[in-house]
Amino acid sequence: MKIGIIGAGKIGGTLAARLVASGHDVALANSRGPSTLAQVAQDTGARAVGVSEVAIAADAVIVSIPLRALPELDPSHVAGVSVVIDTMNYAPVRRDPRIAELDEGEVESMRVQRLLGRDVVKAFNTINVPSLRDLGRAPGSRNRIALPVAGDSSNSVDVALSLVDAAGFDAVASGPLDQSWRQQPGTPAFCTNLPADDLQLALDQASLADIEAWRSHIATLPPV
């Protein structure tokens, strides 16, 4: 598939490398322009393009930018692609400013969907960079870990599930987008590198209190 990635940070760059390695054609963009991506493109095998070009002829676009930057992303840049995947997480104070709607209970990916004005799928948000880089395994491998995928469009979810598999991980369909809070930071599914059966149990055990406690903790740490 042709995949566009908006955001060339640690997750976006690492994901680009894994998808290129699995045979996908990956275009990578950031807010500063393709001239700043020469090294990342060389390291990952992705093509450096402008943000306005990243969705051209793409089968899916992955948005992997700090959540604070989302309002600056022109929705037209993803308007022409059928599948948009959100990898973003809210880290109040430490990385993001306080976002009142999220603090009042709005599900993170529902906010992303609202601001982009189109359906999105939540995936690749529950894994840290070292695990994404190092723990991918071929299908059927022993100790293959799993990642959840939440969304409302069956086609978009299927595409995201296939990309999770291509990146080296078992994929678990975790329900509709309004339930994607079950894979937000602080929940048992977040950065715990679980196999598929255990991941499903972790999703079932999630509580909103987990998220509130994590946000309270992260807000006390030094900014990044």
N, C-alpha and C. Protein backbone atom coordinates (compact mmCIF):
# COMPACT_ATOMS: atom_id res chain seq x y z
N MET A 1 0.83 -1.20 0.00
CA MET A 1 0.00 0.00 0.00
C MET A 1 0.86 1.25 0.00
N LYS A 2 0.25 2.34 -0.41
CA LYS A 2 0.89 3.64 -0.31
C LYS A 2 0.41 4.31 0.98
N ILE A 3 1.36 4.61 1.85
CA ILE A 3 1.03 5.14 3.17
C ILE A 3 1.67 6.51 3.34
N GLY A 4 0.91 7.47 3.80
CA GLY A 4 1.44 8.78 4.17
C GLY A 4 1.52 8.88 5.68
N ILE A 5 2.58 9.49 6.17
CA ILE A 5 2.72 9.73 7.61
C ILE A 5 2.97 11.22 7.82
N ILE A 6 2.12 11.85 8.60
CA ILE A 6 2.31 13.24 8.99
C ILE A 6 2.89 13.25 10.39
N GLY A 7 4.14 13.69 10.48
CA GLY A 7 4.84 13.66 11.75
C GLY A 7 6.05 12.75 11.64
N ALA A 8 7.23 13.35 11.72
CA ALA A 8 8.47 12.58 11.55
C ALA A 8 9.24 12.48 12.85
N GLY A 9 8.52 12.52 13.97
CA GLY A 9 9.16 12.36 15.27
C GLY A 9 9.48 10.90 15.53
N LYS A 10 9.63 10.57 16.81
CA LYS A 10 10.11 9.23 17.15
C LYS A 10 9.13 8.14 16.73
N ILE A 11 7.84 8.32 16.98
CA ILE A 11 6.87 7.31 16.57
C ILE A 11 6.70 7.31 15.06
N GLY A 12 6.50 8.49 14.46
CA GLY A 12 6.29 8.55 13.02
C GLY A 12 7.47 8.01 12.25
N GLY A 13 8.69 8.38 12.65
CA GLY A 13 9.88 7.89 11.96
C GLY A 13 10.08 6.40 12.12
N THR A 14 9.87 5.90 13.34
CA THR A 14 10.04 4.47 13.58
C THR A 14 8.99 3.67 12.83
N LEU A 15 7.77 4.17 12.82
CA LEU A 15 6.71 3.49 12.09
C LEU A 15 7.00 3.49 10.59
N ALA A 16 7.53 4.59 10.09
CA ALA A 16 7.89 4.65 8.67
C ALA A 16 8.90 3.56 8.33
N ALA A 17 9.92 3.40 9.17
CA ALA A 17 10.95 2.39 8.92
C ALA A 17 10.35 0.99 8.91
N ARG A 18 9.47 0.69 9.85
CA ARG A 18 8.89 -0.65 9.92
C ARG A 18 7.99 -0.92 8.72
N LEU A 19 7.22 0.07 8.29
CA LEU A 19 6.32 -0.16 7.17
C LEU A 19 7.08 -0.25 5.85
N VAL A 20 8.13 0.54 5.71
CA VAL A 20 8.98 0.40 4.51
C VAL A 20 9.59 -0.99 4.48
N ALA A 21 10.07 -1.46 5.62
CA ALA A 21 10.70 -2.78 5.69
C ALA A 21 9.73 -3.89 5.33
N SER A 22 8.44 -3.66 5.55
CA SER A 22 7.44 -4.68 5.23
C SER A 22 6.92 -4.56 3.80
N GLY A 23 7.49 -3.62 3.03
CA GLY A 23 7.15 -3.54 1.62
C GLY A 23 6.21 -2.42 1.22
N HIS A 24 5.81 -1.58 2.15
CA HIS A 24 4.92 -0.47 1.82
C HIS A 24 5.69 0.72 1.27
N ASP A 25 5.03 1.49 0.43
CA ASP A 25 5.56 2.74 -0.12
C ASP A 25 5.13 3.86 0.83
N VAL A 26 6.08 4.46 1.55
CA VAL A 26 5.77 5.41 2.61
C VAL A 26 6.27 6.81 2.26
N ALA A 27 5.36 7.77 2.35
CA ALA A 27 5.70 9.19 2.21
C ALA A 27 5.63 9.82 3.59
N LEU A 28 6.63 10.60 3.93
CA LEU A 28 6.76 11.17 5.27
C LEU A 28 6.79 12.69 5.18
N ALA A 29 6.00 13.35 6.02
CA ALA A 29 5.93 14.81 6.00
C ALA A 29 5.95 15.36 7.41
N ASN A 30 6.41 16.60 7.53
CA ASN A 30 6.32 17.31 8.81
C ASN A 30 5.98 18.76 8.54
N SER A 31 5.85 19.55 9.60
CA SER A 31 5.42 20.94 9.46
C SER A 31 6.52 21.84 8.93
N ARG A 32 7.78 21.37 8.94
CA ARG A 32 8.90 22.22 8.55
C ARG A 32 9.33 22.03 7.11
N GLY A 33 8.75 21.07 6.42
CA GLY A 33 9.04 20.88 5.02
C GLY A 33 10.01 19.75 4.73
N PRO A 34 9.96 19.20 3.51
CA PRO A 34 10.75 18.02 3.17
C PRO A 34 12.26 18.24 3.24
N SER A 35 12.71 19.48 3.12
CA SER A 35 14.15 19.72 3.19
C SER A 35 14.74 19.37 4.55
N THR A 36 13.89 19.32 5.57
CA THR A 36 14.37 18.98 6.93
C THR A 36 14.33 17.48 7.19
N LEU A 37 13.91 16.70 6.23
CA LEU A 37 13.69 15.27 6.44
C LEU A 37 14.70 14.38 5.72
N ALA A 38 15.76 14.97 5.19
CA ALA A 38 16.71 14.19 4.40
C ALA A 38 17.29 13.02 5.20
N GLN A 39 17.69 13.28 6.45
CA GLN A 39 18.30 12.21 7.24
C GLN A 39 17.27 11.14 7.61
N VAL A 40 16.08 11.58 8.00
CA VAL A 40 15.03 10.61 8.36
C VAL A 40 14.66 9.76 7.15
N ALA A 41 14.56 10.39 5.99
CA ALA A 41 14.24 9.65 4.78
C ALA A 41 15.33 8.62 4.47
N GLN A 42 16.57 9.02 4.62
CA GLN A 42 17.68 8.10 4.39
C GLN A 42 17.67 6.94 5.37
N ASP A 43 17.37 7.25 6.64
CA ASP A 43 17.37 6.21 7.67
C ASP A 43 16.21 5.23 7.54
N THR A 44 15.08 5.72 7.07
CA THR A 44 13.86 4.90 7.06
C THR A 44 13.52 4.30 5.70
N GLY A 45 14.01 4.91 4.63
CA GLY A 45 13.62 4.49 3.29
C GLY A 45 12.34 5.13 2.81
N ALA A 46 11.75 6.04 3.63
CA ALA A 46 10.54 6.74 3.23
C ALA A 46 10.89 7.90 2.29
N ARG A 47 9.89 8.38 1.56
CA ARG A 47 10.04 9.56 0.71
C ARG A 47 9.65 10.81 1.49
N ALA A 48 10.46 11.84 1.45
CA ALA A 48 10.14 13.09 2.12
C ALA A 48 9.29 13.95 1.18
N VAL A 49 8.13 14.39 1.69
CA VAL A 49 7.21 15.20 0.88
C VAL A 49 6.67 16.33 1.75
N GLY A 50 6.00 17.29 1.13
CA GLY A 50 5.30 18.32 1.86
C GLY A 50 4.00 17.80 2.45
N VAL A 51 3.51 18.46 3.48
CA VAL A 51 2.27 18.00 4.12
C VAL A 51 1.11 17.99 3.13
N SER A 52 1.08 18.96 2.22
CA SER A 52 -0.02 19.02 1.26
C SER A 52 0.05 17.90 0.23
N GLU A 53 1.19 17.19 0.15
CA GLU A 53 1.37 16.11 -0.82
C GLU A 53 1.22 14.72 -0.21
N VAL A 54 1.18 14.65 1.11
CA VAL A 54 1.32 13.36 1.76
C VAL A 54 0.17 12.40 1.48
N ALA A 55 -1.00 12.94 1.19
CA ALA A 55 -2.16 12.08 0.96
C ALA A 55 -2.38 11.76 -0.51
N ILE A 56 -1.57 12.34 -1.41
CA ILE A 56 -1.78 12.11 -2.83
C ILE A 56 -1.59 10.64 -3.16
N ALA A 57 -2.63 10.03 -3.70
CA ALA A 57 -2.63 8.62 -4.09
C ALA A 57 -2.39 7.66 -2.92
N ALA A 58 -2.50 8.15 -1.69
CA ALA A 58 -2.27 7.28 -0.53
C ALA A 58 -3.50 6.42 -0.23
N ASP A 59 -3.24 5.21 0.21
CA ASP A 59 -4.32 4.34 0.68
C ASP A 59 -4.70 4.66 2.12
N ALA A 60 -3.75 5.19 2.89
CA ALA A 60 -4.00 5.56 4.28
C ALA A 60 -3.00 6.63 4.68
N VAL A 61 -3.41 7.50 5.59
CA VAL A 61 -2.52 8.50 6.17
C VAL A 61 -2.52 8.32 7.68
N ILE A 62 -1.33 8.28 8.25
CA ILE A 62 -1.16 8.17 9.69
C ILE A 62 -0.77 9.54 10.23
N VAL A 63 -1.51 10.03 11.22
CA VAL A 63 -1.21 11.32 11.83
C VAL A 63 -0.53 11.06 13.16
N SER A 64 0.73 11.49 13.26
CA SER A 64 1.55 11.19 14.44
C SER A 64 2.31 12.45 14.86
N ILE A 65 1.55 13.43 15.31
CA ILE A 65 2.11 14.71 15.74
C ILE A 65 1.73 14.94 17.20
N PRO A 66 2.38 15.87 17.89
CA PRO A 66 1.90 16.20 19.24
C PRO A 66 0.44 16.67 19.18
N LEU A 67 -0.35 16.24 20.12
CA LEU A 67 -1.77 16.60 20.09
C LEU A 67 -1.97 18.11 20.12
N ARG A 68 -1.04 18.82 20.74
CA ARG A 68 -1.15 20.28 20.79
C ARG A 68 -1.10 20.91 19.40
N ALA A 69 -0.47 20.21 18.44
CA ALA A 69 -0.30 20.75 17.09
C ALA A 69 -1.48 20.43 16.17
N LEU A 70 -2.40 19.60 16.63
CA LEU A 70 -3.49 19.18 15.76
C LEU A 70 -4.30 20.34 15.20
N PRO A 71 -4.64 21.38 16.00
CA PRO A 71 -5.42 22.48 15.42
C PRO A 71 -4.71 23.20 14.28
N GLU A 72 -3.40 23.05 14.17
CA GLU A 72 -2.64 23.69 13.10
C GLU A 72 -2.62 22.86 11.83
N LEU A 73 -3.08 21.61 11.89
CA LEU A 73 -3.10 20.75 10.71
C LEU A 73 -4.34 21.05 9.87
N ASP A 74 -4.12 21.46 8.65
CA ASP A 74 -5.22 21.78 7.74
C ASP A 74 -5.96 20.49 7.38
N PRO A 75 -7.24 20.38 7.71
CA PRO A 75 -7.98 19.15 7.40
C PRO A 75 -7.96 18.78 5.92
N SER A 76 -7.75 19.77 5.05
CA SER A 76 -7.73 19.47 3.62
C SER A 76 -6.57 18.55 3.24
N HIS A 77 -5.54 18.50 4.09
CA HIS A 77 -4.39 17.66 3.78
C HIS A 77 -4.72 16.17 3.88
N VAL A 78 -5.79 15.82 4.56
CA VAL A 78 -6.19 14.41 4.66
C VAL A 78 -7.57 14.16 4.06
N ALA A 79 -8.13 15.18 3.41
CA ALA A 79 -9.51 15.07 2.93
C ALA A 79 -9.66 14.05 1.81
N GLY A 80 -8.62 13.83 1.03
CA GLY A 80 -8.75 12.97 -0.13
C GLY A 80 -8.38 11.52 0.08
N VAL A 81 -8.08 11.14 1.31
CA VAL A 81 -7.65 9.77 1.57
C VAL A 81 -8.75 9.02 2.32
N SER A 82 -8.89 7.73 2.05
CA SER A 82 -10.03 7.00 2.61
C SER A 82 -9.82 6.57 4.06
N VAL A 83 -8.56 6.42 4.51
CA VAL A 83 -8.29 5.92 5.85
C VAL A 83 -7.32 6.87 6.55
N VAL A 84 -7.72 7.38 7.72
CA VAL A 84 -6.85 8.24 8.53
C VAL A 84 -6.67 7.57 9.89
N ILE A 85 -5.43 7.37 10.27
CA ILE A 85 -5.09 6.67 11.52
C ILE A 85 -4.46 7.66 12.48
N ASP A 86 -4.99 7.71 13.69
CA ASP A 86 -4.52 8.61 14.75
C ASP A 86 -3.68 7.83 15.74
N THR A 87 -2.42 8.26 15.93
CA THR A 87 -1.54 7.62 16.92
C THR A 87 -1.35 8.47 18.17
N MET A 88 -2.03 9.60 18.27
CA MET A 88 -1.68 10.63 19.25
C MET A 88 -2.22 10.35 20.65
N ASN A 89 -1.49 10.86 21.64
CA ASN A 89 -1.89 10.76 23.04
C ASN A 89 -1.78 12.13 23.70
N TYR A 90 -2.68 12.38 24.62
CA TYR A 90 -2.70 13.64 25.38
C TYR A 90 -1.81 13.51 26.61
N ALA A 91 -0.82 14.41 26.71
CA ALA A 91 0.08 14.44 27.87
C ALA A 91 0.05 15.84 28.46
N PRO A 92 -0.95 16.14 29.30
CA PRO A 92 -1.13 17.51 29.78
C PRO A 92 0.05 18.01 30.59
N VAL A 93 0.39 19.27 30.35
CA VAL A 93 1.46 20.00 31.02
C VAL A 93 2.83 19.52 30.56
N ARG A 94 3.06 18.22 30.61
CA ARG A 94 4.38 17.73 30.23
C ARG A 94 4.68 17.99 28.76
N ARG A 95 3.70 17.73 27.88
CA ARG A 95 3.93 17.95 26.46
C ARG A 95 2.88 18.84 25.81
N ASP A 96 1.65 18.77 26.30
CA ASP A 96 0.55 19.53 25.72
C ASP A 96 0.03 20.56 26.72
N PRO A 97 -0.53 21.65 26.22
CA PRO A 97 -1.25 22.53 27.13
C PRO A 97 -2.51 21.83 27.63
N ARG A 98 -3.08 22.34 28.69
CA ARG A 98 -4.36 21.80 29.13
C ARG A 98 -5.41 22.01 28.03
N ILE A 99 -6.13 20.94 27.70
CA ILE A 99 -7.20 21.01 26.70
C ILE A 99 -8.50 20.73 27.44
N ALA A 100 -9.31 21.77 27.58
CA ALA A 100 -10.48 21.70 28.46
C ALA A 100 -11.40 20.55 28.09
N GLU A 101 -11.65 20.36 26.80
CA GLU A 101 -12.59 19.31 26.39
C GLU A 101 -12.11 17.92 26.82
N LEU A 102 -10.81 17.70 26.72
CA LEU A 102 -10.27 16.40 27.14
C LEU A 102 -10.31 16.26 28.64
N ASP A 103 -9.98 17.33 29.35
CA ASP A 103 -10.03 17.28 30.80
C ASP A 103 -11.45 17.05 31.30
N GLU A 104 -12.43 17.45 30.50
CA GLU A 104 -13.83 17.28 30.88
C GLU A 104 -14.42 15.97 30.38
N GLY A 105 -13.60 15.11 29.74
CA GLY A 105 -14.06 13.78 29.41
C GLY A 105 -14.17 13.42 27.94
N GLU A 106 -13.89 14.36 27.05
CA GLU A 106 -13.94 14.01 25.63
C GLU A 106 -12.87 12.96 25.33
N VAL A 107 -13.23 11.93 24.58
CA VAL A 107 -12.28 10.89 24.19
C VAL A 107 -11.29 11.50 23.21
N GLU A 108 -10.01 11.19 23.40
CA GLU A 108 -8.96 11.84 22.62
C GLU A 108 -9.19 11.72 21.11
N SER A 109 -9.46 10.52 20.63
CA SER A 109 -9.64 10.33 19.19
C SER A 109 -10.95 10.90 18.68
N MET A 110 -11.94 11.06 19.54
CA MET A 110 -13.16 11.74 19.13
C MET A 110 -12.86 13.22 18.87
N ARG A 111 -11.94 13.79 19.65
CA ARG A 111 -11.50 15.16 19.39
C ARG A 111 -10.77 15.24 18.05
N VAL A 112 -9.89 14.28 17.80
CA VAL A 112 -9.16 14.26 16.53
C VAL A 112 -10.15 14.18 15.37
N GLN A 113 -11.11 13.30 15.48
CA GLN A 113 -12.12 13.14 14.44
C GLN A 113 -12.90 14.44 14.23
N ARG A 114 -13.25 15.09 15.32
CA ARG A 114 -14.02 16.33 15.23
C ARG A 114 -13.21 17.44 14.56
N LEU A 115 -11.94 17.58 14.92
CA LEU A 115 -11.13 18.65 14.36
C LEU A 115 -10.77 18.40 12.89
N LEU A 116 -10.61 17.13 12.54
CA LEU A 116 -10.30 16.83 11.14
C LEU A 116 -11.57 16.75 10.28
N GLY A 117 -12.72 16.64 10.92
CA GLY A 117 -13.98 16.62 10.18
C GLY A 117 -14.21 15.37 9.38
N ARG A 118 -13.67 14.23 9.86
CA ARG A 118 -13.82 12.97 9.13
C ARG A 118 -13.54 11.80 10.06
N ASP A 119 -13.94 10.61 9.64
CA ASP A 119 -13.70 9.42 10.44
C ASP A 119 -12.20 9.17 10.60
N VAL A 120 -11.80 8.74 11.80
CA VAL A 120 -10.43 8.31 12.02
C VAL A 120 -10.45 6.97 12.74
N VAL A 121 -9.30 6.32 12.72
CA VAL A 121 -9.07 5.07 13.44
C VAL A 121 -7.95 5.30 14.44
N LYS A 122 -8.08 4.74 15.64
CA LYS A 122 -7.04 4.87 16.67
C LYS A 122 -6.16 3.62 16.64
N ALA A 123 -4.86 3.81 16.44
CA ALA A 123 -3.93 2.69 16.44
C ALA A 123 -2.52 3.20 16.69
N PHE A 124 -1.63 2.29 17.07
CA PHE A 124 -0.21 2.59 17.30
C PHE A 124 0.01 3.61 18.43
N ASN A 125 -0.96 3.80 19.30
CA ASN A 125 -0.77 4.77 20.39
C ASN A 125 -0.37 4.10 21.69
N THR A 126 -0.40 2.77 21.74
CA THR A 126 -0.15 2.07 23.02
C THR A 126 1.24 1.46 23.10
N ILE A 127 2.12 1.85 22.21
CA ILE A 127 3.45 1.25 22.19
C ILE A 127 4.51 2.35 22.22
N ASN A 128 5.58 2.12 22.97
CA ASN A 128 6.64 3.13 23.02
C ASN A 128 7.65 2.89 21.90
N VAL A 129 8.55 3.83 21.73
CA VAL A 129 9.47 3.78 20.59
C VAL A 129 10.38 2.55 20.61
N PRO A 130 11.04 2.22 21.75
CA PRO A 130 11.90 1.03 21.72
C PRO A 130 11.16 -0.25 21.36
N SER A 131 9.94 -0.39 21.87
CA SER A 131 9.16 -1.60 21.56
C SER A 131 8.74 -1.62 20.10
N LEU A 132 8.32 -0.46 19.57
CA LEU A 132 7.94 -0.39 18.16
C LEU A 132 9.13 -0.70 17.27
N ARG A 133 10.29 -0.24 17.67
CA ARG A 133 11.51 -0.46 16.88
C ARG A 133 12.00 -1.90 16.96
N ASP A 134 11.92 -2.52 18.14
CA ASP A 134 12.65 -3.76 18.39
C ASP A 134 11.81 -5.02 18.54
N LEU A 135 10.53 -4.89 18.83
CA LEU A 135 9.74 -6.07 19.21
C LEU A 135 8.83 -6.61 18.13
N GLY A 136 8.86 -6.04 16.94
CA GLY A 136 8.05 -6.59 15.85
C GLY A 136 8.52 -7.98 15.48
N ARG A 137 7.57 -8.86 15.21
CA ARG A 137 7.87 -10.24 14.86
C ARG A 137 7.00 -10.68 13.67
N ALA A 138 7.43 -11.71 12.98
CA ALA A 138 6.64 -12.26 11.88
C ALA A 138 5.35 -12.87 12.43
N PRO A 139 4.29 -12.91 11.62
CA PRO A 139 3.04 -13.53 12.06
C PRO A 139 3.27 -14.96 12.55
N GLY A 140 2.63 -15.30 13.66
CA GLY A 140 2.76 -16.63 14.23
C GLY A 140 3.96 -16.84 15.12
N SER A 141 4.81 -15.81 15.24
CA SER A 141 6.00 -15.95 16.08
C SER A 141 5.62 -16.05 17.55
N ARG A 142 6.44 -16.76 18.29
CA ARG A 142 6.25 -16.85 19.72
C ARG A 142 6.49 -15.48 20.35
N ASN A 143 5.71 -15.16 21.35
CA ASN A 143 5.85 -13.91 22.10
C ASN A 143 5.59 -12.66 21.26
N ARG A 144 4.80 -12.80 20.22
CA ARG A 144 4.40 -11.62 19.44
C ARG A 144 3.42 -10.80 20.26
N ILE A 145 3.70 -9.52 20.42
CA ILE A 145 2.81 -8.68 21.21
C ILE A 145 1.72 -8.10 20.31
N ALA A 146 0.69 -7.54 20.94
CA ALA A 146 -0.49 -7.08 20.21
C ALA A 146 -0.75 -5.61 20.45
N LEU A 147 -1.40 -4.99 19.47
CA LEU A 147 -1.79 -3.59 19.56
C LEU A 147 -3.27 -3.46 19.22
N PRO A 148 -3.99 -2.58 19.93
CA PRO A 148 -5.42 -2.40 19.67
C PRO A 148 -5.69 -1.41 18.55
N VAL A 149 -6.81 -1.61 17.88
CA VAL A 149 -7.27 -0.72 16.81
C VAL A 149 -8.74 -0.43 17.06
N ALA A 150 -9.09 0.84 17.20
CA ALA A 150 -10.47 1.23 17.44
C ALA A 150 -10.97 2.11 16.30
N GLY A 151 -12.22 1.91 15.89
CA GLY A 151 -12.78 2.75 14.84
C GLY A 151 -14.18 2.33 14.49
N ASP A 152 -14.85 3.18 13.72
CA ASP A 152 -16.25 2.96 13.37
C ASP A 152 -16.44 2.42 11.95
N SER A 153 -15.47 2.66 11.09
CA SER A 153 -15.56 2.19 9.71
C SER A 153 -14.88 0.84 9.60
N SER A 154 -15.61 -0.19 9.19
CA SER A 154 -15.03 -1.53 9.11
C SER A 154 -13.88 -1.57 8.11
N ASN A 155 -14.00 -0.84 7.01
CA ASN A 155 -12.92 -0.82 6.02
C ASN A 155 -11.67 -0.17 6.60
N SER A 156 -11.84 0.96 7.27
CA SER A 156 -10.69 1.65 7.84
C SER A 156 -10.03 0.82 8.94
N VAL A 157 -10.85 0.17 9.76
CA VAL A 157 -10.31 -0.69 10.80
C VAL A 157 -9.52 -1.83 10.18
N ASP A 158 -10.05 -2.43 9.11
CA ASP A 158 -9.35 -3.54 8.45
C ASP A 158 -7.99 -3.09 7.92
N VAL A 159 -7.94 -1.90 7.34
CA VAL A 159 -6.66 -1.38 6.84
C VAL A 159 -5.68 -1.19 7.99
N ALA A 160 -6.16 -0.59 9.08
CA ALA A 160 -5.28 -0.37 10.24
C ALA A 160 -4.81 -1.69 10.84
N LEU A 161 -5.71 -2.67 10.91
CA LEU A 161 -5.31 -3.99 11.41
C LEU A 161 -4.19 -4.59 10.55
N SER A 162 -4.31 -4.42 9.24
CA SER A 162 -3.29 -4.97 8.34
C SER A 162 -1.96 -4.25 8.50
N LEU A 163 -1.99 -2.96 8.80
CA LEU A 163 -0.75 -2.22 8.99
C LEU A 163 -0.09 -2.58 10.32
N VAL A 164 -0.89 -2.81 11.34
CA VAL A 164 -0.33 -3.30 12.61
C VAL A 164 0.38 -4.63 12.38
N ASP A 165 -0.26 -5.52 11.64
CA ASP A 165 0.35 -6.82 11.34
C ASP A 165 1.63 -6.64 10.53
N ALA A 166 1.59 -5.75 9.54
CA ALA A 166 2.77 -5.51 8.71
C ALA A 166 3.93 -4.95 9.53
N ALA A 167 3.61 -4.17 10.55
CA ALA A 167 4.65 -3.60 11.40
C ALA A 167 5.25 -4.62 12.36
N GLY A 168 4.61 -5.81 12.46
CA GLY A 168 5.19 -6.87 13.26
C GLY A 168 4.45 -7.23 14.52
N PHE A 169 3.16 -6.87 14.59
CA PHE A 169 2.40 -7.07 15.83
C PHE A 169 1.04 -7.69 15.53
N ASP A 170 0.54 -8.48 16.47
CA ASP A 170 -0.83 -8.94 16.37
C ASP A 170 -1.76 -7.75 16.56
N ALA A 171 -2.88 -7.78 15.87
CA ALA A 171 -3.82 -6.66 15.91
C ALA A 171 -5.12 -7.10 16.56
N VAL A 172 -5.63 -6.29 17.47
CA VAL A 172 -6.88 -6.58 18.18
C VAL A 172 -7.87 -5.47 17.89
N ALA A 173 -9.00 -5.79 17.27
CA ALA A 173 -10.06 -4.81 17.06
C ALA A 173 -10.69 -4.51 18.42
N SER A 174 -10.56 -3.26 18.86
CA SER A 174 -10.93 -2.92 20.24
C SER A 174 -12.27 -2.22 20.38
N GLY A 175 -13.03 -2.12 19.28
CA GLY A 175 -14.35 -1.54 19.38
C GLY A 175 -14.48 -0.22 18.67
N PRO A 176 -15.62 0.46 18.85
CA PRO A 176 -15.85 1.73 18.18
C PRO A 176 -14.96 2.85 18.74
N LEU A 177 -14.89 3.94 18.00
CA LEU A 177 -13.97 5.01 18.38
C LEU A 177 -14.31 5.62 19.73
N ASP A 178 -15.59 5.69 20.08
CA ASP A 178 -15.94 6.30 21.37
C ASP A 178 -15.52 5.43 22.54
N GLN A 179 -15.09 4.19 22.26
CA GLN A 179 -14.54 3.34 23.31
C GLN A 179 -13.01 3.30 23.29
N SER A 180 -12.40 4.11 22.43
CA SER A 180 -10.94 4.10 22.33
C SER A 180 -10.27 4.68 23.56
N TRP A 181 -11.05 5.24 24.48
CA TRP A 181 -10.46 5.66 25.75
C TRP A 181 -9.86 4.46 26.49
N ARG A 182 -10.33 3.27 26.17
CA ARG A 182 -9.81 2.06 26.83
C ARG A 182 -8.35 1.78 26.47
N GLN A 183 -7.81 2.47 25.46
CA GLN A 183 -6.41 2.30 25.10
C GLN A 183 -5.63 3.61 25.26
N GLN A 184 -6.22 4.57 25.95
CA GLN A 184 -5.52 5.83 26.21
C GLN A 184 -4.45 5.63 27.30
N PRO A 185 -3.53 6.59 27.42
CA PRO A 185 -2.48 6.50 28.45
C PRO A 185 -3.05 6.30 29.86
N GLY A 186 -2.40 5.40 30.59
CA GLY A 186 -2.80 5.11 31.96
C GLY A 186 -3.61 3.84 32.11
N THR A 187 -4.19 3.38 31.00
CA THR A 187 -5.00 2.16 31.08
C THR A 187 -4.12 0.92 31.03
N PRO A 188 -4.65 -0.25 31.39
CA PRO A 188 -3.84 -1.47 31.41
C PRO A 188 -3.30 -1.87 30.04
N ALA A 189 -3.87 -1.34 28.97
CA ALA A 189 -3.40 -1.68 27.62
C ALA A 189 -2.25 -0.80 27.16
N PHE A 190 -1.95 0.25 27.90
CA PHE A 190 -1.00 1.26 27.44
C PHE A 190 0.43 0.89 27.78
N CYS A 191 1.23 0.68 26.74
CA CYS A 191 2.68 0.42 26.89
C CYS A 191 2.97 -0.76 27.81
N THR A 192 2.16 -1.82 27.70
CA THR A 192 2.38 -3.00 28.53
C THR A 192 2.80 -4.23 27.72
N ASN A 193 2.86 -4.10 26.39
CA ASN A 193 3.43 -5.14 25.53
C ASN A 193 2.81 -6.51 25.79
N LEU A 194 1.49 -6.57 25.71
CA LEU A 194 0.77 -7.80 26.00
C LEU A 194 0.48 -8.61 24.75
N PRO A 195 0.39 -9.94 24.88
CA PRO A 195 -0.12 -10.75 23.77
C PRO A 195 -1.62 -10.50 23.59
N ALA A 196 -2.15 -10.98 22.47
CA ALA A 196 -3.51 -10.61 22.09
C ALA A 196 -4.57 -10.93 23.15
N ASP A 197 -4.55 -12.13 23.70
CA ASP A 197 -5.58 -12.50 24.67
C ASP A 197 -5.50 -11.61 25.92
N ASP A 198 -4.29 -11.35 26.38
CA ASP A 198 -4.13 -10.50 27.56
C ASP A 198 -4.48 -9.05 27.25
N LEU A 199 -4.21 -8.63 26.02
CA LEU A 199 -4.57 -7.26 25.64
C LEU A 199 -6.08 -7.08 25.68
N GLN A 200 -6.82 -8.05 25.20
CA GLN A 200 -8.28 -7.93 25.24
C GLN A 200 -8.78 -7.83 26.68
N LEU A 201 -8.21 -8.61 27.57
CA LEU A 201 -8.58 -8.51 28.99
C LEU A 201 -8.25 -7.14 29.54
N ALA A 202 -7.09 -6.60 29.16
CA ALA A 202 -6.69 -5.28 29.65
C ALA A 202 -7.66 -4.21 29.16
N LEU A 203 -8.07 -4.30 27.93
CA LEU A 203 -9.05 -3.35 27.40
C LEU A 203 -10.36 -3.43 28.18
N ASP A 204 -10.78 -4.64 28.49
CA ASP A 204 -12.03 -4.83 29.23
C ASP A 204 -11.93 -4.27 30.65
N GLN A 205 -10.73 -4.28 31.22
CA GLN A 205 -10.53 -3.86 32.61
C GLN A 205 -10.28 -2.35 32.75
N ALA A 206 -10.16 -1.64 31.66
CA ALA A 206 -9.84 -0.21 31.72
C ALA A 206 -10.91 0.57 32.46
N SER A 207 -10.47 1.63 33.11
CA SER A 207 -11.42 2.53 33.77
C SER A 207 -10.99 3.97 33.53
N LEU A 208 -11.96 4.86 33.59
CA LEU A 208 -11.65 6.28 33.42
C LEU A 208 -10.76 6.79 34.54
N ALA A 209 -10.84 6.16 35.71
CA ALA A 209 -9.97 6.55 36.82
C ALA A 209 -8.50 6.32 36.49
N ASP A 210 -8.22 5.28 35.70
CA ASP A 210 -6.84 5.03 35.27
C ASP A 210 -6.28 6.24 34.52
N ILE A 211 -7.10 6.78 33.64
CA ILE A 211 -6.67 7.90 32.81
C ILE A 211 -6.46 9.15 33.65
N GLU A 212 -7.40 9.40 34.55
CA GLU A 212 -7.28 10.58 35.41
C GLU A 212 -6.03 10.52 36.28
N ALA A 213 -5.74 9.34 36.80
CA ALA A 213 -4.55 9.19 37.65
C ALA A 213 -3.28 9.39 36.83
N TRP A 214 -3.24 8.88 35.62
CA TRP A 214 -2.06 9.04 34.78
C TRP A 214 -1.84 10.50 34.43
N ARG A 215 -2.92 11.19 34.08
CA ARG A 215 -2.80 12.61 33.73
C ARG A 215 -2.33 13.43 34.92
N SER A 216 -2.82 13.12 36.10
CA SER A 216 -2.37 13.85 37.29
C SER A 216 -0.89 13.63 37.54
N HIS A 217 -0.44 12.38 37.31
CA HIS A 217 0.97 12.07 37.50
C HIS A 217 1.84 12.75 36.45
N ILE A 218 1.46 12.64 35.18
CA ILE A 218 2.30 13.16 34.10
C ILE A 218 2.44 14.68 34.20
N ALA A 219 1.42 15.33 34.74
CA ALA A 219 1.46 16.78 34.86
C ALA A 219 2.48 17.26 35.88
N THR A 220 2.97 16.35 36.72
CA THR A 220 3.97 16.74 37.73
C THR A 220 5.39 16.56 37.22
N LEU A 221 5.56 15.96 36.04
CA LEU A 221 6.90 15.68 35.52
C LEU A 221 7.43 16.87 34.72
N PRO A 222 8.74 16.95 34.54
CA PRO A 222 9.32 18.07 33.76
C PRO A 222 8.81 18.04 32.33
N PRO A 223 8.58 19.21 31.73
CA PRO A 223 8.12 19.27 30.33
C PRO A 223 9.14 18.64 29.39
N VAL A 224 8.63 18.16 28.25
CA VAL A 224 9.50 17.62 27.21
C VAL A 224 9.22 18.35 25.90
